[in-house]
């Protein structure tokens, strides 16, 4: 087995560290996107998404907790504004 030089070890460590940082950022961005509710304005501009979210919320008819979430409330508000 070939012995690695000092420079090769440093490069390998830097590549490993950068890979870990990029992977962590990808997970962090995905988590933050999924946890932040969309605004009424966003749903108004994205009516199909508002309709899909509203159908999802209405599909859980006894689930008052889901229906009271900001995303469900905002989607319904956007639909009411858009289709007055």
C-alpha atoms as a PDB file:
ATOM      1  CA  UNK A   1       0.000   0.000   0.000  1.00  0.00           C
ATOM      2  CA  UNK A   2       1.343   3.404  -1.014  1.00  0.00           C
ATOM      3  CA  UNK A   3       2.033   5.916   1.754  1.00  0.00           C
ATOM      4  CA  UNK A   4       0.171   9.234   1.347  1.00  0.00           C
ATOM      5  CA  UNK A   5       2.167  12.442   1.336  1.00  0.00           C
ATOM      6  CA  UNK A   6       1.404  15.267   3.729  1.00  0.00           C
ATOM      7  CA  UNK A   7      -0.185  17.327   0.911  1.00  0.00           C
ATOM      8  CA  UNK A   8      -2.423  14.434  -0.131  1.00  0.00           C
ATOM      9  CA  UNK A   9      -3.645  14.015   3.443  1.00  0.00           C
ATOM     10  CA  UNK A  10      -4.408  17.746   3.721  1.00  0.00           C
ATOM     11  CA  UNK A  11      -6.289  17.710   0.404  1.00  0.00           C
ATOM     12  CA  UNK A  12      -8.276  14.620   1.413  1.00  0.00           C
ATOM     13  CA  UNK A  13      -9.193  16.217   4.753  1.00  0.00           C
ATOM     14  CA  UNK A  14     -10.262  19.463   3.033  1.00  0.00           C
ATOM     15  CA  UNK A  15     -12.420  17.590   0.521  1.00  0.00           C
ATOM     16  CA  UNK A  16     -14.026  15.575   3.313  1.00  0.00           C
ATOM     17  CA  UNK A  17     -14.727  18.716   5.343  1.00  0.00           C
ATOM     18  CA  UNK A  18     -16.243  20.518   2.354  1.00  0.00           C
ATOM     19  CA  UNK A  19     -18.419  17.512   1.548  1.00  0.00           C
ATOM     20  CA  UNK A  20     -19.700  17.421   5.122  1.00  0.00           C
ATOM     21  CA  UNK A  21     -20.423  21.170   5.105  1.00  0.00           C
ATOM     22  CA  UNK A  22     -22.338  20.989   1.823  1.00  0.00           C
ATOM     23  CA  UNK A  23     -24.351  17.987   3.024  1.00  0.00           C
ATOM     24  CA  UNK A  24     -25.208  19.752   6.294  1.00  0.00           C
ATOM     25  CA  UNK A  25     -26.324  22.890   4.442  1.00  0.00           C
ATOM     26  CA  UNK A  26     -28.541  20.837   2.128  1.00  0.00           C
ATOM     27  CA  UNK A  27     -30.274  19.243   5.126  1.00  0.00           C
ATOM     28  CA  UNK A  28     -30.593  22.592   6.913  1.00  0.00           C
ATOM     29  CA  UNK A  29     -32.160  24.277   3.884  1.00  0.00           C
ATOM     30  CA  UNK A  30     -34.610  21.405   3.407  1.00  0.00           C
ATOM     31  CA  UNK A  31     -35.606  21.518   7.091  1.00  0.00           C
ATOM     32  CA  UNK A  32     -36.112  25.269   7.108  1.00  0.00           C
ATOM     33  CA  UNK A  33     -38.189  25.182   3.944  1.00  0.00           C
ATOM     34  CA  UNK A  34     -40.489  22.510   5.237  1.00  0.00           C
ATOM     35  CA  UNK A  35     -41.025  24.125   8.640  1.00  0.00           C
ATOM     36  CA  UNK A  36     -41.800  27.692   7.512  1.00  0.00           C
ATOM     37  CA  UNK A  37     -45.449  28.247   6.593  1.00  0.00           C
ATOM     38  CA  UNK A  38     -46.215  29.959   3.308  1.00  0.00           C
ATOM     39  CA  UNK A  39     -47.824  33.396   3.500  1.00  0.00           C
ATOM     40  CA  UNK A  40     -51.282  34.328   2.210  1.00  0.00           C
ATOM     41  CA  UNK A  41     -49.540  36.352  -0.494  1.00  0.00           C
ATOM     42  CA  UNK A  42     -47.516  33.324  -1.567  1.00  0.00           C
ATOM     43  CA  UNK A  43     -50.623  31.166  -1.771  1.00  0.00           C
ATOM     44  CA  UNK A  44     -52.453  33.924  -3.672  1.00  0.00           C
ATOM     45  CA  UNK A  45     -49.656  33.948  -6.239  1.00  0.00           C
ATOM     46  CA  UNK A  46     -49.616  30.125  -6.334  1.00  0.00           C
ATOM     47  CA  UNK A  47     -53.310  29.239  -6.505  1.00  0.00           C
ATOM     48  CA  UNK A  48     -52.743  25.606  -7.514  1.00  0.00           C
ATOM     49  CA  UNK A  49     -50.598  25.103  -4.419  1.00  0.00           C
ATOM     50  CA  UNK A  50     -53.305  26.812  -2.315  1.00  0.00           C
ATOM     51  CA  UNK A  51     -55.934  24.467  -3.753  1.00  0.00           C
ATOM     52  CA  UNK A  52     -53.750  21.422  -3.101  1.00  0.00           C
ATOM     53  CA  UNK A  53     -53.031  22.521   0.478  1.00  0.00           C
ATOM     54  CA  UNK A  54     -56.703  23.309   1.082  1.00  0.00           C
ATOM     55  CA  UNK A  55     -57.690  19.852  -0.205  1.00  0.00           C
ATOM     56  CA  UNK A  56     -55.083  18.295   2.063  1.00  0.00           C
ATOM     57  CA  UNK A  57     -56.412  20.236   5.053  1.00  0.00           C
ATOM     58  CA  UNK A  58     -60.059  19.477   4.268  1.00  0.00           C
ATOM     59  CA  UNK A  59     -59.203  15.825   3.725  1.00  0.00           C
ATOM     60  CA  UNK A  60     -58.469  15.522   7.408  1.00  0.00           C
ATOM     61  CA  UNK A  61     -62.024  16.388   8.515  1.00  0.00           C
ATOM     62  CA  UNK A  62     -61.845  15.836  12.264  1.00  0.00           C
ATOM     63  CA  UNK A  63     -58.289  17.041  12.515  1.00  0.00           C
ATOM     64  CA  UNK A  64     -58.801  20.527  13.906  1.00  0.00           C
ATOM     65  CA  UNK A  65     -55.088  20.808  14.719  1.00  0.00           C
ATOM     66  CA  UNK A  66     -54.108  20.405  11.055  1.00  0.00           C
ATOM     67  CA  UNK A  67     -56.843  22.747   9.864  1.00  0.00           C
ATOM     68  CA  UNK A  68     -55.636  25.416  12.311  1.00  0.00           C
ATOM     69  CA  UNK A  69     -52.026  25.356  11.087  1.00  0.00           C
ATOM     70  CA  UNK A  70     -50.780  28.553   9.435  1.00  0.00           C
ATOM     71  CA  UNK A  71     -50.427  26.810   6.054  1.00  0.00           C
ATOM     72  CA  UNK A  72     -54.046  25.609   6.072  1.00  0.00           C
ATOM     73  CA  UNK A  73     -55.373  28.962   7.241  1.00  0.00           C
ATOM     74  CA  UNK A  74     -53.252  30.904   4.726  1.00  0.00           C
ATOM     75  CA  UNK A  75     -54.239  28.653   1.822  1.00  0.00           C
ATOM     76  CA  UNK A  76     -57.928  29.048   2.636  1.00  0.00           C
ATOM     77  CA  UNK A  77     -57.557  32.840   3.011  1.00  0.00           C
ATOM     78  CA  UNK A  78     -55.787  33.052  -0.358  1.00  0.00           C
ATOM     79  CA  UNK A  79     -58.566  31.070  -2.047  1.00  0.00           C
ATOM     80  CA  UNK A  80     -61.223  33.268  -0.482  1.00  0.00           C
ATOM     81  CA  UNK A  81     -59.408  36.400  -1.660  1.00  0.00           C
ATOM     82  CA  UNK A  82     -58.863  35.044  -5.158  1.00  0.00           C
ATOM     83  CA  UNK A  83     -62.380  33.753  -5.747  1.00  0.00           C
ATOM     84  CA  UNK A  84     -64.569  36.445  -4.159  1.00  0.00           C
END
